[in-house]
Amino acid sequence: MTPQNLDEATKKVEFDRLMTAATVYRRRGDYAQATQAIRQALQLFPENLDAREFAADMIYAHGDVSKAAEHYKSLLEADPKRASVEAKYAKAVLEMAEGKRQQDLIKDMVENPNKYHAQGPRKPTIAAVLSIAPGFGHIYCGQYAVGMGIFGGWILAWLLFFATLNPSVGVQVTQKLTGPAALFMCIAGGLHIYAVTGAASLAERLRKGKGGKDPSEPE
């Protein structure tokens, strides 16, 4: 039966059922089913703000921060006092700004390497912390090609991990895990560990200089 053929009372009951189902799916981590349920709910009541906010949350959960921000903005225009949406919109805008800042930083590092070489000895702790985003520690130490390669390989490994999960089994990642997915997860983890330890070690060598002597030590 289509939404147009339901009376208002029946539509409300079905809407509440779909909202509950979407919430349960989200708590289980099954965003695909949650998204499907919320779409069906919006077919019944397209202007319902709770359903629209839930749909925006699903868009955000799938990684489309820009599109989610547009939906949050639209919700705020409909209800400026909706505090939960205001906080989510602010978070999305900040995340987009931070992403752009990191992109600009990488671009500047690649285009102006001498600018960063001139900043003096590299600090191992900073190199390790920057390697939370694998490759950034190596970029900090001046190894731009290596850093970009590590970062690209890490992203690719995770993309292949999600692509090789079994979508027809369970709702938890551990239930969907396949042999190839486990392999790509190990590769991503290995690259991350290498990025942290390698960047810290590289920074330490640069700090001490080619002769292996710490410049802070007395002659």
N, C-alpha and C. Protein backbone atom coordinates (compact mmCIF):
# COMPACT_ATOMS: atom_id res chain seq x y z
N MET A 1 0.85 -1.19 0.00
CA MET A 1 0.00 0.00 0.00
C MET A 1 0.89 1.25 0.00
N THR A 2 0.59 2.19 -0.90
CA THR A 2 1.40 3.40 -1.01
C THR A 2 1.01 4.40 0.07
N PRO A 3 1.91 5.35 0.40
CA PRO A 3 1.61 6.35 1.42
C PRO A 3 0.34 7.14 1.13
N GLN A 4 0.02 7.36 -0.19
CA GLN A 4 -1.15 8.14 -0.54
C GLN A 4 -2.45 7.43 -0.17
N ASN A 5 -2.40 6.10 -0.06
CA ASN A 5 -3.62 5.32 0.21
C ASN A 5 -3.87 5.13 1.71
N LEU A 6 -2.99 5.65 2.56
CA LEU A 6 -3.14 5.48 3.99
C LEU A 6 -3.85 6.68 4.59
N ASP A 7 -4.72 6.43 5.59
CA ASP A 7 -5.32 7.55 6.29
C ASP A 7 -4.31 8.12 7.28
N GLU A 8 -4.58 9.28 7.83
CA GLU A 8 -3.62 9.98 8.67
C GLU A 8 -3.21 9.17 9.89
N ALA A 9 -4.17 8.51 10.53
CA ALA A 9 -3.86 7.74 11.74
C ALA A 9 -2.94 6.57 11.41
N THR A 10 -3.24 5.88 10.31
CA THR A 10 -2.40 4.75 9.90
C THR A 10 -1.02 5.22 9.49
N LYS A 11 -0.96 6.35 8.79
CA LYS A 11 0.33 6.91 8.39
C LYS A 11 1.18 7.24 9.62
N LYS A 12 0.54 7.79 10.66
CA LYS A 12 1.28 8.16 11.86
C LYS A 12 1.84 6.91 12.55
N VAL A 13 1.04 5.85 12.61
CA VAL A 13 1.50 4.60 13.23
C VAL A 13 2.68 4.03 12.44
N GLU A 14 2.55 4.02 11.11
CA GLU A 14 3.62 3.49 10.27
C GLU A 14 4.87 4.36 10.36
N PHE A 15 4.66 5.68 10.43
CA PHE A 15 5.79 6.61 10.56
C PHE A 15 6.56 6.34 11.85
N ASP A 16 5.84 6.19 12.95
CA ASP A 16 6.48 5.93 14.24
C ASP A 16 7.24 4.60 14.21
N ARG A 17 6.66 3.61 13.54
CA ARG A 17 7.33 2.30 13.44
C ARG A 17 8.64 2.42 12.67
N LEU A 18 8.60 3.17 11.57
CA LEU A 18 9.80 3.34 10.75
C LEU A 18 10.87 4.14 11.49
N MET A 19 10.46 5.17 12.23
CA MET A 19 11.42 5.95 13.01
C MET A 19 12.09 5.09 14.07
N THR A 20 11.29 4.25 14.73
CA THR A 20 11.85 3.34 15.74
C THR A 20 12.82 2.35 15.11
N ALA A 21 12.42 1.81 13.96
CA ALA A 21 13.28 0.85 13.26
C ALA A 21 14.59 1.51 12.84
N ALA A 22 14.50 2.74 12.33
CA ALA A 22 15.71 3.46 11.90
C ALA A 22 16.64 3.69 13.09
N THR A 23 16.07 4.04 14.23
CA THR A 23 16.87 4.27 15.43
C THR A 23 17.58 2.99 15.88
N VAL A 24 16.86 1.88 15.84
CA VAL A 24 17.45 0.59 16.23
C VAL A 24 18.57 0.21 15.29
N TYR A 25 18.33 0.37 13.99
CA TYR A 25 19.37 0.04 13.01
C TYR A 25 20.62 0.90 13.22
N ARG A 26 20.41 2.18 13.51
CA ARG A 26 21.56 3.07 13.72
C ARG A 26 22.36 2.64 14.94
N ARG A 27 21.67 2.27 16.02
CA ARG A 27 22.37 1.83 17.22
C ARG A 27 23.17 0.56 16.97
N ARG A 28 22.70 -0.27 16.05
CA ARG A 28 23.42 -1.50 15.70
C ARG A 28 24.57 -1.24 14.73
N GLY A 29 24.63 -0.03 14.21
CA GLY A 29 25.67 0.29 13.24
C GLY A 29 25.30 -0.06 11.81
N ASP A 30 24.04 -0.42 11.58
CA ASP A 30 23.58 -0.78 10.23
C ASP A 30 22.99 0.47 9.57
N TYR A 31 23.88 1.32 9.05
CA TYR A 31 23.44 2.60 8.50
C TYR A 31 22.65 2.44 7.20
N ALA A 32 22.92 1.38 6.46
CA ALA A 32 22.19 1.16 5.21
C ALA A 32 20.70 0.93 5.49
N GLN A 33 20.40 0.05 6.46
CA GLN A 33 19.00 -0.21 6.80
C GLN A 33 18.36 1.00 7.47
N ALA A 34 19.15 1.71 8.28
CA ALA A 34 18.62 2.92 8.93
C ALA A 34 18.24 3.96 7.88
N THR A 35 19.09 4.11 6.87
CA THR A 35 18.81 5.07 5.79
C THR A 35 17.56 4.67 5.02
N GLN A 36 17.42 3.39 4.74
CA GLN A 36 16.24 2.92 4.01
C GLN A 36 14.96 3.18 4.80
N ALA A 37 15.01 2.92 6.11
CA ALA A 37 13.82 3.13 6.95
C ALA A 37 13.45 4.61 7.02
N ILE A 38 14.46 5.48 7.14
CA ILE A 38 14.15 6.90 7.28
C ILE A 38 13.64 7.48 5.96
N ARG A 39 14.09 6.93 4.84
CA ARG A 39 13.56 7.37 3.55
C ARG A 39 12.08 7.03 3.43
N GLN A 40 11.72 5.84 3.90
CA GLN A 40 10.31 5.43 3.86
C GLN A 40 9.48 6.32 4.79
N ALA A 41 10.05 6.68 5.94
CA ALA A 41 9.34 7.57 6.86
C ALA A 41 9.11 8.93 6.24
N LEU A 42 10.10 9.43 5.51
CA LEU A 42 9.97 10.74 4.87
C LEU A 42 8.96 10.73 3.73
N GLN A 43 8.72 9.57 3.14
CA GLN A 43 7.69 9.48 2.12
C GLN A 43 6.30 9.71 2.73
N LEU A 44 6.17 9.35 4.01
CA LEU A 44 4.90 9.55 4.70
C LEU A 44 4.72 10.99 5.16
N PHE A 45 5.79 11.54 5.76
CA PHE A 45 5.74 12.92 6.26
C PHE A 45 7.03 13.64 5.85
N PRO A 46 7.08 14.16 4.62
CA PRO A 46 8.31 14.77 4.09
C PRO A 46 8.80 15.98 4.87
N GLU A 47 7.91 16.67 5.56
CA GLU A 47 8.30 17.89 6.27
C GLU A 47 8.57 17.66 7.75
N ASN A 48 8.50 16.43 8.20
CA ASN A 48 8.75 16.16 9.62
C ASN A 48 10.21 16.47 9.95
N LEU A 49 10.43 17.36 10.90
CA LEU A 49 11.79 17.82 11.19
C LEU A 49 12.64 16.74 11.86
N ASP A 50 12.02 15.90 12.68
CA ASP A 50 12.78 14.81 13.32
C ASP A 50 13.31 13.84 12.27
N ALA A 51 12.46 13.51 11.30
CA ALA A 51 12.88 12.59 10.24
C ALA A 51 13.94 13.24 9.35
N ARG A 52 13.77 14.51 9.06
CA ARG A 52 14.76 15.21 8.23
C ARG A 52 16.10 15.30 8.94
N GLU A 53 16.08 15.53 10.25
CA GLU A 53 17.33 15.57 11.00
C GLU A 53 18.00 14.20 11.01
N PHE A 54 17.20 13.16 11.19
CA PHE A 54 17.74 11.80 11.17
C PHE A 54 18.38 11.51 9.82
N ALA A 55 17.70 11.92 8.74
CA ALA A 55 18.24 11.69 7.40
C ALA A 55 19.56 12.43 7.21
N ALA A 56 19.64 13.65 7.73
CA ALA A 56 20.89 14.42 7.65
C ALA A 56 22.00 13.72 8.43
N ASP A 57 21.64 13.14 9.58
CA ASP A 57 22.62 12.39 10.38
C ASP A 57 23.17 11.20 9.59
N MET A 58 22.30 10.53 8.83
CA MET A 58 22.74 9.39 8.04
C MET A 58 23.68 9.83 6.91
N ILE A 59 23.37 10.97 6.32
CA ILE A 59 24.25 11.50 5.27
C ILE A 59 25.62 11.81 5.87
N TYR A 60 25.62 12.39 7.05
CA TYR A 60 26.89 12.70 7.74
C TYR A 60 27.64 11.41 8.07
N ALA A 61 26.91 10.39 8.53
CA ALA A 61 27.54 9.12 8.90
C ALA A 61 28.17 8.43 7.70
N HIS A 62 27.62 8.67 6.51
CA HIS A 62 28.18 8.09 5.30
C HIS A 62 29.36 8.90 4.75
N GLY A 63 29.71 9.99 5.43
CA GLY A 63 30.91 10.74 5.07
C GLY A 63 30.70 11.94 4.18
N ASP A 64 29.45 12.22 3.78
CA ASP A 64 29.20 13.39 2.92
C ASP A 64 28.91 14.59 3.82
N VAL A 65 29.97 15.15 4.38
CA VAL A 65 29.82 16.23 5.36
C VAL A 65 29.20 17.47 4.73
N SER A 66 29.61 17.79 3.51
CA SER A 66 29.10 18.99 2.85
C SER A 66 27.59 18.91 2.62
N LYS A 67 27.12 17.76 2.14
CA LYS A 67 25.68 17.60 1.90
C LYS A 67 24.91 17.61 3.21
N ALA A 68 25.48 16.97 4.24
CA ALA A 68 24.83 16.97 5.55
C ALA A 68 24.70 18.39 6.09
N ALA A 69 25.75 19.19 5.90
CA ALA A 69 25.72 20.58 6.36
C ALA A 69 24.60 21.36 5.68
N GLU A 70 24.38 21.09 4.39
CA GLU A 70 23.30 21.77 3.67
C GLU A 70 21.94 21.41 4.28
N HIS A 71 21.77 20.14 4.63
CA HIS A 71 20.51 19.71 5.23
C HIS A 71 20.33 20.32 6.63
N TYR A 72 21.41 20.35 7.41
CA TYR A 72 21.32 20.96 8.74
C TYR A 72 20.96 22.45 8.63
N LYS A 73 21.55 23.12 7.65
CA LYS A 73 21.25 24.54 7.44
C LYS A 73 19.78 24.73 7.09
N SER A 74 19.27 23.86 6.23
CA SER A 74 17.86 23.93 5.84
C SER A 74 16.94 23.72 7.04
N LEU A 75 17.34 22.80 7.92
CA LEU A 75 16.55 22.54 9.13
C LEU A 75 16.55 23.75 10.06
N LEU A 76 17.70 24.41 10.17
CA LEU A 76 17.79 25.60 11.02
C LEU A 76 16.93 26.74 10.47
N GLU A 77 16.84 26.82 9.16
CA GLU A 77 15.99 27.84 8.55
C GLU A 77 14.52 27.56 8.86
N ALA A 78 14.18 26.26 8.95
CA ALA A 78 12.80 25.88 9.26
C ALA A 78 12.50 26.05 10.75
N ASP A 79 13.52 25.79 11.60
CA ASP A 79 13.35 25.90 13.05
C ASP A 79 14.65 26.40 13.67
N PRO A 80 14.84 27.73 13.75
CA PRO A 80 16.09 28.30 14.27
C PRO A 80 16.40 27.92 15.72
N LYS A 81 15.40 27.46 16.47
CA LYS A 81 15.62 27.13 17.88
C LYS A 81 15.97 25.66 18.09
N ARG A 82 16.18 24.93 17.02
CA ARG A 82 16.48 23.50 17.12
C ARG A 82 17.95 23.34 17.51
N ALA A 83 18.21 23.23 18.81
CA ALA A 83 19.58 23.27 19.34
C ALA A 83 20.43 22.10 18.85
N SER A 84 19.84 20.91 18.75
CA SER A 84 20.61 19.74 18.33
C SER A 84 21.16 19.92 16.92
N VAL A 85 20.35 20.51 16.05
CA VAL A 85 20.78 20.73 14.67
C VAL A 85 21.83 21.83 14.61
N GLU A 86 21.68 22.84 15.44
CA GLU A 86 22.65 23.93 15.47
C GLU A 86 24.05 23.41 15.80
N ALA A 87 24.13 22.50 16.79
CA ALA A 87 25.42 21.93 17.17
C ALA A 87 25.99 21.06 16.05
N LYS A 88 25.14 20.28 15.40
CA LYS A 88 25.60 19.41 14.31
C LYS A 88 26.06 20.23 13.11
N TYR A 89 25.34 21.30 12.83
CA TYR A 89 25.71 22.17 11.71
C TYR A 89 27.07 22.82 11.96
N ALA A 90 27.27 23.29 13.19
CA ALA A 90 28.55 23.91 13.55
C ALA A 90 29.69 22.90 13.42
N LYS A 91 29.45 21.67 13.87
CA LYS A 91 30.48 20.63 13.78
C LYS A 91 30.82 20.32 12.33
N ALA A 92 29.80 20.23 11.48
CA ALA A 92 30.03 19.93 10.06
C ALA A 92 30.81 21.04 9.38
N VAL A 93 30.46 22.29 9.69
CA VAL A 93 31.16 23.43 9.09
C VAL A 93 32.62 23.45 9.53
N LEU A 94 32.87 23.20 10.82
CA LEU A 94 34.24 23.16 11.32
C LEU A 94 35.03 22.03 10.67
N GLU A 95 34.39 20.89 10.49
CA GLU A 95 35.06 19.74 9.87
C GLU A 95 35.43 20.05 8.42
N MET A 96 34.53 20.71 7.71
CA MET A 96 34.84 21.09 6.32
C MET A 96 35.98 22.10 6.28
N ALA A 97 35.98 23.04 7.22
CA ALA A 97 37.04 24.05 7.27
C ALA A 97 38.38 23.41 7.58
N GLU A 98 38.38 22.43 8.51
CA GLU A 98 39.63 21.75 8.87
C GLU A 98 40.13 20.92 7.70
N GLY A 99 39.21 20.26 6.99
CA GLY A 99 39.61 19.48 5.82
C GLY A 99 40.24 20.36 4.75
N LYS A 100 39.66 21.53 4.54
CA LYS A 100 40.22 22.46 3.55
C LYS A 100 41.58 22.98 4.01
N ARG A 101 41.71 23.23 5.32
CA ARG A 101 42.98 23.72 5.85
C ARG A 101 44.09 22.69 5.64
N GLN A 102 43.77 21.40 5.88
CA GLN A 102 44.76 20.36 5.68
C GLN A 102 45.13 20.21 4.21
N GLN A 103 44.13 20.33 3.33
CA GLN A 103 44.41 20.26 1.89
C GLN A 103 45.32 21.40 1.46
N ASP A 104 45.03 22.60 1.98
CA ASP A 104 45.85 23.76 1.63
C ASP A 104 47.27 23.60 2.17
N LEU A 105 47.39 23.00 3.37
CA LEU A 105 48.71 22.79 3.97
C LEU A 105 49.54 21.82 3.14
N ILE A 106 48.92 20.71 2.73
CA ILE A 106 49.64 19.72 1.91
C ILE A 106 50.06 20.34 0.58
N LYS A 107 49.14 21.10 -0.03
CA LYS A 107 49.44 21.74 -1.30
C LYS A 107 50.61 22.71 -1.15
N ASP A 108 50.60 23.47 -0.05
CA ASP A 108 51.68 24.43 0.18
C ASP A 108 53.00 23.72 0.44
N MET A 109 52.95 22.60 1.17
CA MET A 109 54.17 21.83 1.44
C MET A 109 54.79 21.30 0.15
N VAL A 110 53.92 20.82 -0.75
CA VAL A 110 54.40 20.26 -2.01
C VAL A 110 54.94 21.35 -2.93
N GLU A 111 54.26 22.49 -2.96
CA GLU A 111 54.65 23.57 -3.87
C GLU A 111 55.80 24.41 -3.34
N ASN A 112 55.94 24.46 -2.00
CA ASN A 112 56.99 25.30 -1.40
C ASN A 112 57.78 24.52 -0.35
N PRO A 113 58.50 23.47 -0.77
CA PRO A 113 59.21 22.63 0.20
C PRO A 113 60.27 23.39 0.99
N ASN A 114 60.94 24.36 0.36
CA ASN A 114 62.00 25.10 1.06
C ASN A 114 61.47 25.90 2.24
N LYS A 115 60.23 26.29 2.15
CA LYS A 115 59.60 27.05 3.22
C LYS A 115 59.56 26.25 4.51
N TYR A 116 59.38 24.94 4.39
CA TYR A 116 59.28 24.09 5.57
C TYR A 116 60.63 23.52 5.99
N HIS A 117 61.54 23.37 5.04
CA HIS A 117 62.89 22.93 5.39
C HIS A 117 63.59 23.97 6.25
N ALA A 118 63.23 25.22 6.09
CA ALA A 118 63.93 26.30 6.79
C ALA A 118 63.49 26.47 8.23
N GLN A 119 62.60 25.62 8.70
CA GLN A 119 62.06 25.80 10.05
C GLN A 119 62.91 25.15 11.14
N GLY A 120 64.06 24.57 10.79
CA GLY A 120 64.94 24.02 11.81
C GLY A 120 64.69 22.54 12.05
N PRO A 121 65.33 21.97 13.10
CA PRO A 121 65.24 20.54 13.38
C PRO A 121 63.80 20.09 13.60
N ARG A 122 63.54 18.86 13.18
CA ARG A 122 62.21 18.29 13.37
C ARG A 122 62.11 17.63 14.74
N LYS A 123 60.95 17.67 15.36
CA LYS A 123 60.74 17.09 16.68
C LYS A 123 60.03 15.74 16.54
N PRO A 124 60.62 14.66 17.09
CA PRO A 124 60.03 13.33 16.96
C PRO A 124 58.59 13.25 17.48
N THR A 125 58.32 13.93 18.60
CA THR A 125 56.97 13.87 19.17
C THR A 125 55.94 14.47 18.22
N ILE A 126 56.28 15.61 17.63
CA ILE A 126 55.36 16.25 16.68
C ILE A 126 55.18 15.37 15.45
N ALA A 127 56.27 14.77 14.98
CA ALA A 127 56.19 13.89 13.81
C ALA A 127 55.26 12.71 14.09
N ALA A 128 55.37 12.15 15.30
CA ALA A 128 54.52 11.01 15.66
C ALA A 128 53.05 11.42 15.77
N VAL A 129 52.79 12.57 16.38
CA VAL A 129 51.41 13.04 16.53
C VAL A 129 50.79 13.35 15.17
N LEU A 130 51.56 13.99 14.29
CA LEU A 130 51.05 14.29 12.95
C LEU A 130 50.74 13.01 12.18
N SER A 131 51.43 11.92 12.53
CA SER A 131 51.23 10.65 11.83
C SER A 131 49.94 9.96 12.23
N ILE A 132 49.15 10.57 13.11
CA ILE A 132 47.80 10.08 13.35
C ILE A 132 47.06 10.05 12.00
N ALA A 133 47.37 11.05 11.16
CA ALA A 133 46.98 10.98 9.74
C ALA A 133 48.22 10.47 9.02
N PRO A 134 48.29 9.16 8.72
CA PRO A 134 49.52 8.55 8.21
C PRO A 134 50.12 9.30 7.02
N GLY A 135 51.42 9.56 7.13
CA GLY A 135 52.13 10.27 6.07
C GLY A 135 52.42 11.71 6.39
N PHE A 136 51.61 12.32 7.27
CA PHE A 136 51.80 13.73 7.59
C PHE A 136 53.10 13.94 8.37
N GLY A 137 53.49 12.94 9.17
CA GLY A 137 54.75 13.06 9.90
C GLY A 137 55.94 13.08 8.96
N HIS A 138 55.88 12.27 7.90
CA HIS A 138 56.96 12.26 6.91
C HIS A 138 56.98 13.57 6.12
N ILE A 139 55.79 14.10 5.82
CA ILE A 139 55.73 15.39 5.14
C ILE A 139 56.35 16.47 6.03
N TYR A 140 56.05 16.41 7.32
CA TYR A 140 56.62 17.35 8.29
C TYR A 140 58.15 17.28 8.28
N CYS A 141 58.69 16.08 8.05
CA CYS A 141 60.14 15.89 8.02
C CYS A 141 60.75 16.16 6.65
N GLY A 142 59.93 16.58 5.71
CA GLY A 142 60.46 16.94 4.40
C GLY A 142 60.37 15.86 3.35
N GLN A 143 59.90 14.67 3.70
CA GLN A 143 59.79 13.58 2.72
C GLN A 143 58.37 13.60 2.14
N TYR A 144 58.16 14.51 1.21
CA TYR A 144 56.81 14.76 0.70
C TYR A 144 56.26 13.60 -0.12
N ALA A 145 57.09 13.06 -1.01
CA ALA A 145 56.62 11.95 -1.85
C ALA A 145 56.30 10.73 -1.01
N VAL A 146 57.18 10.43 -0.04
CA VAL A 146 56.94 9.28 0.85
C VAL A 146 55.67 9.50 1.66
N GLY A 147 55.53 10.70 2.21
CA GLY A 147 54.35 11.00 3.02
C GLY A 147 53.06 10.88 2.24
N MET A 148 53.04 11.44 1.03
CA MET A 148 51.84 11.35 0.21
C MET A 148 51.56 9.91 -0.20
N GLY A 149 52.65 9.14 -0.44
CA GLY A 149 52.48 7.74 -0.80
C GLY A 149 51.88 6.93 0.34
N ILE A 150 52.37 7.18 1.57
CA ILE A 150 51.82 6.47 2.74
C ILE A 150 50.36 6.83 2.94
N PHE A 151 50.05 8.12 2.86
CA PHE A 151 48.67 8.56 3.07
C PHE A 151 47.74 7.97 2.01
N GLY A 152 48.18 8.01 0.75
CA GLY A 152 47.37 7.45 -0.33
C GLY A 152 47.17 5.95 -0.19
N GLY A 153 48.24 5.24 0.21
CA GLY A 153 48.14 3.79 0.40
C GLY A 153 47.21 3.44 1.55
N TRP A 154 47.26 4.24 2.62
CA TRP A 154 46.41 4.00 3.79
C TRP A 154 44.93 4.20 3.43
N ILE A 155 44.64 5.29 2.71
CA ILE A 155 43.26 5.54 2.28
C ILE A 155 42.77 4.43 1.36
N LEU A 156 43.63 4.02 0.40
CA LEU A 156 43.25 2.97 -0.54
C LEU A 156 42.98 1.66 0.18
N ALA A 157 43.81 1.33 1.18
CA ALA A 157 43.63 0.08 1.92
C ALA A 157 42.28 0.06 2.63
N TRP A 158 41.89 1.19 3.24
CA TRP A 158 40.60 1.23 3.94
C TRP A 158 39.43 1.19 2.95
N LEU A 159 39.59 1.84 1.80
CA LEU A 159 38.53 1.78 0.79
C LEU A 159 38.32 0.34 0.31
N LEU A 160 39.43 -0.36 0.08
CA LEU A 160 39.34 -1.76 -0.35
C LEU A 160 38.79 -2.64 0.77
N PHE A 161 39.11 -2.29 2.01
CA PHE A 161 38.57 -3.03 3.16
C PHE A 161 37.04 -2.99 3.15
N PHE A 162 36.48 -1.77 3.04
CA PHE A 162 35.02 -1.64 3.05
C PHE A 162 34.39 -2.25 1.80
N ALA A 163 35.13 -2.19 0.67
CA ALA A 163 34.59 -2.73 -0.58
C ALA A 163 34.52 -4.25 -0.55
N THR A 164 35.38 -4.90 0.25
CA THR A 164 35.42 -6.36 0.27
C THR A 164 34.69 -6.97 1.46
N LEU A 165 34.00 -6.14 2.26
CA LEU A 165 33.16 -6.69 3.32
C LEU A 165 31.97 -7.42 2.69
N ASN A 166 31.46 -8.41 3.40
CA ASN A 166 30.31 -9.17 2.91
C ASN A 166 29.03 -8.46 3.35
N PRO A 167 28.30 -7.81 2.43
CA PRO A 167 27.12 -7.02 2.83
C PRO A 167 25.91 -7.85 3.22
N SER A 168 25.94 -9.14 2.94
CA SER A 168 24.75 -9.98 3.16
C SER A 168 24.78 -10.71 4.50
N VAL A 169 25.82 -10.49 5.30
CA VAL A 169 25.95 -11.22 6.57
C VAL A 169 25.94 -10.26 7.74
N GLY A 170 24.95 -10.38 8.63
CA GLY A 170 24.93 -9.63 9.88
C GLY A 170 24.91 -8.13 9.70
N VAL A 171 25.08 -7.43 10.83
CA VAL A 171 25.10 -5.97 10.82
C VAL A 171 26.40 -5.41 11.39
N GLN A 172 27.15 -6.23 12.12
CA GLN A 172 28.41 -5.78 12.69
C GLN A 172 29.54 -6.03 11.70
N VAL A 173 30.58 -5.18 11.78
CA VAL A 173 31.72 -5.32 10.87
C VAL A 173 32.38 -6.67 11.03
N THR A 174 32.47 -7.17 12.28
CA THR A 174 33.11 -8.46 12.52
C THR A 174 32.36 -9.60 11.84
N GLN A 175 31.05 -9.44 11.68
CA GLN A 175 30.26 -10.47 11.01
C GLN A 175 30.43 -10.40 9.49
N LYS A 176 30.74 -9.22 8.98
CA LYS A 176 30.87 -9.03 7.54
C LYS A 176 32.29 -9.29 7.05
N LEU A 177 33.23 -9.53 7.99
CA LEU A 177 34.64 -9.63 7.64
C LEU A 177 34.92 -10.83 6.73
N THR A 178 35.66 -10.57 5.66
CA THR A 178 36.09 -11.63 4.74
C THR A 178 37.62 -11.70 4.76
N GLY A 179 38.18 -12.71 4.09
CA GLY A 179 39.63 -12.84 4.03
C GLY A 179 40.30 -11.63 3.42
N PRO A 180 39.87 -11.19 2.22
CA PRO A 180 40.48 -9.99 1.62
C PRO A 180 40.31 -8.75 2.49
N ALA A 181 39.13 -8.61 3.13
CA ALA A 181 38.90 -7.44 3.99
C ALA A 181 39.88 -7.44 5.16
N ALA A 182 40.10 -8.62 5.75
CA ALA A 182 41.05 -8.73 6.86
C ALA A 182 42.46 -8.37 6.40
N LEU A 183 42.81 -8.79 5.19
CA LEU A 183 44.14 -8.47 4.64
C LEU A 183 44.32 -6.96 4.48
N PHE A 184 43.32 -6.30 3.90
CA PHE A 184 43.42 -4.85 3.69
C PHE A 184 43.42 -4.10 5.02
N MET A 185 42.69 -4.62 6.02
CA MET A 185 42.70 -4.00 7.34
C MET A 185 44.09 -4.09 7.95
N CYS A 186 44.75 -5.25 7.78
CA CYS A 186 46.11 -5.42 8.30
C CYS A 186 47.09 -4.49 7.58
N ILE A 187 46.91 -4.34 6.27
CA ILE A 187 47.78 -3.44 5.51
C ILE A 187 47.62 -2.01 6.00
N ALA A 188 46.36 -1.58 6.20
CA ALA A 188 46.10 -0.23 6.69
C ALA A 188 46.71 -0.03 8.07
N GLY A 189 46.54 -1.04 8.95
CA GLY A 189 47.11 -0.94 10.28
C GLY A 189 48.63 -0.91 10.25
N GLY A 190 49.22 -1.74 9.37
CA GLY A 190 50.67 -1.76 9.25
C GLY A 190 51.22 -0.44 8.75
N LEU A 191 50.54 0.16 7.77
CA LEU A 191 50.97 1.46 7.26
C LEU A 191 50.88 2.53 8.35
N HIS A 192 49.85 2.43 9.18
CA HIS A 192 49.67 3.41 10.25
C HIS A 192 50.81 3.30 11.27
N ILE A 193 51.12 2.07 11.66
CA ILE A 193 52.21 1.86 12.62
C ILE A 193 53.54 2.32 12.04
N TYR A 194 53.77 1.96 10.77
CA TYR A 194 55.02 2.38 10.11
C TYR A 194 55.11 3.90 10.04
N ALA A 195 53.97 4.55 9.74
CA ALA A 195 53.96 6.01 9.61
C ALA A 195 54.37 6.67 10.92
N VAL A 196 53.82 6.18 12.04
CA VAL A 196 54.11 6.78 13.35
C VAL A 196 55.57 6.54 13.74
N THR A 197 55.99 5.27 13.71
CA THR A 197 57.35 4.95 14.15
C THR A 197 58.39 5.48 13.18
N GLY A 198 58.09 5.38 11.88
CA GLY A 198 59.05 5.84 10.87
C GLY A 198 59.25 7.34 10.92
N ALA A 199 58.17 8.09 11.09
CA ALA A 199 58.28 9.55 11.14
C ALA A 199 59.04 10.00 12.38
N ALA A 200 58.76 9.36 13.52
CA ALA A 200 59.47 9.72 14.75
C ALA A 200 60.96 9.42 14.63
N SER A 201 61.28 8.26 14.04
CA SER A 201 62.69 7.89 13.86
C SER A 201 63.38 8.84 12.89
N LEU A 202 62.68 9.20 11.81
CA LEU A 202 63.26 10.13 10.83
C LEU A 202 63.51 11.49 11.46
N ALA A 203 62.55 11.97 12.24
CA ALA A 203 62.71 13.27 12.90
C ALA A 203 63.89 13.25 13.87
N GLU A 204 64.07 12.12 14.56
CA GLU A 204 65.19 11.99 15.50
C GLU A 204 66.52 12.05 14.76
N ARG A 205 66.60 11.37 13.61
CA ARG A 205 67.84 11.41 12.83
C ARG A 205 68.12 12.81 12.31
N LEU A 206 67.07 13.49 11.86
CA LEU A 206 67.26 14.85 11.36
C LEU A 206 67.66 15.80 12.48
N ARG A 207 67.10 15.57 13.66
CA ARG A 207 67.40 16.43 14.80
C ARG A 207 68.86 16.30 15.22
N LYS A 208 69.38 15.07 15.15
CA LYS A 208 70.77 14.84 15.56
C LYS A 208 71.76 15.17 14.45
N GLY A 209 71.26 15.24 13.23
CA GLY A 209 72.14 15.53 12.11
C GLY A 209 72.76 14.27 11.56
N LYS A 210 73.41 14.39 10.43
CA LYS A 210 73.98 13.23 9.75
C LYS A 210 75.04 12.54 10.59
N GLY A 211 75.72 13.28 11.45
CA GLY A 211 76.76 12.67 12.26
C GLY A 211 76.25 11.91 13.45
N GLY A 212 74.92 11.96 13.68
CA GLY A 212 74.33 11.22 14.79
C GLY A 212 74.46 11.93 16.12
N LYS A 213 74.89 13.20 16.15
CA LYS A 213 75.06 13.93 17.40
C LYS A 213 73.91 14.88 17.61
N ASP A 214 73.36 14.88 18.80
CA ASP A 214 72.26 15.77 19.14
C ASP A 214 72.80 17.19 19.24
N PRO A 215 72.27 18.14 18.43
CA PRO A 215 72.78 19.50 18.45
C PRO A 215 72.58 20.21 19.78
N SER A 216 71.70 19.68 20.64
CA SER A 216 71.47 20.31 21.94
C SER A 216 72.54 19.92 22.96
N GLU A 217 73.34 18.88 22.63
CA GLU A 217 74.37 18.44 23.56
C GLU A 217 75.56 19.38 23.49
N PRO A 218 76.26 19.61 24.62
CA PRO A 218 77.43 20.50 24.62
C PRO A 218 78.58 19.86 23.87
N GLU A 219 79.44 20.70 23.33
CA GLU A 219 80.63 20.21 22.62
C GLU A 219 81.55 19.49 23.60
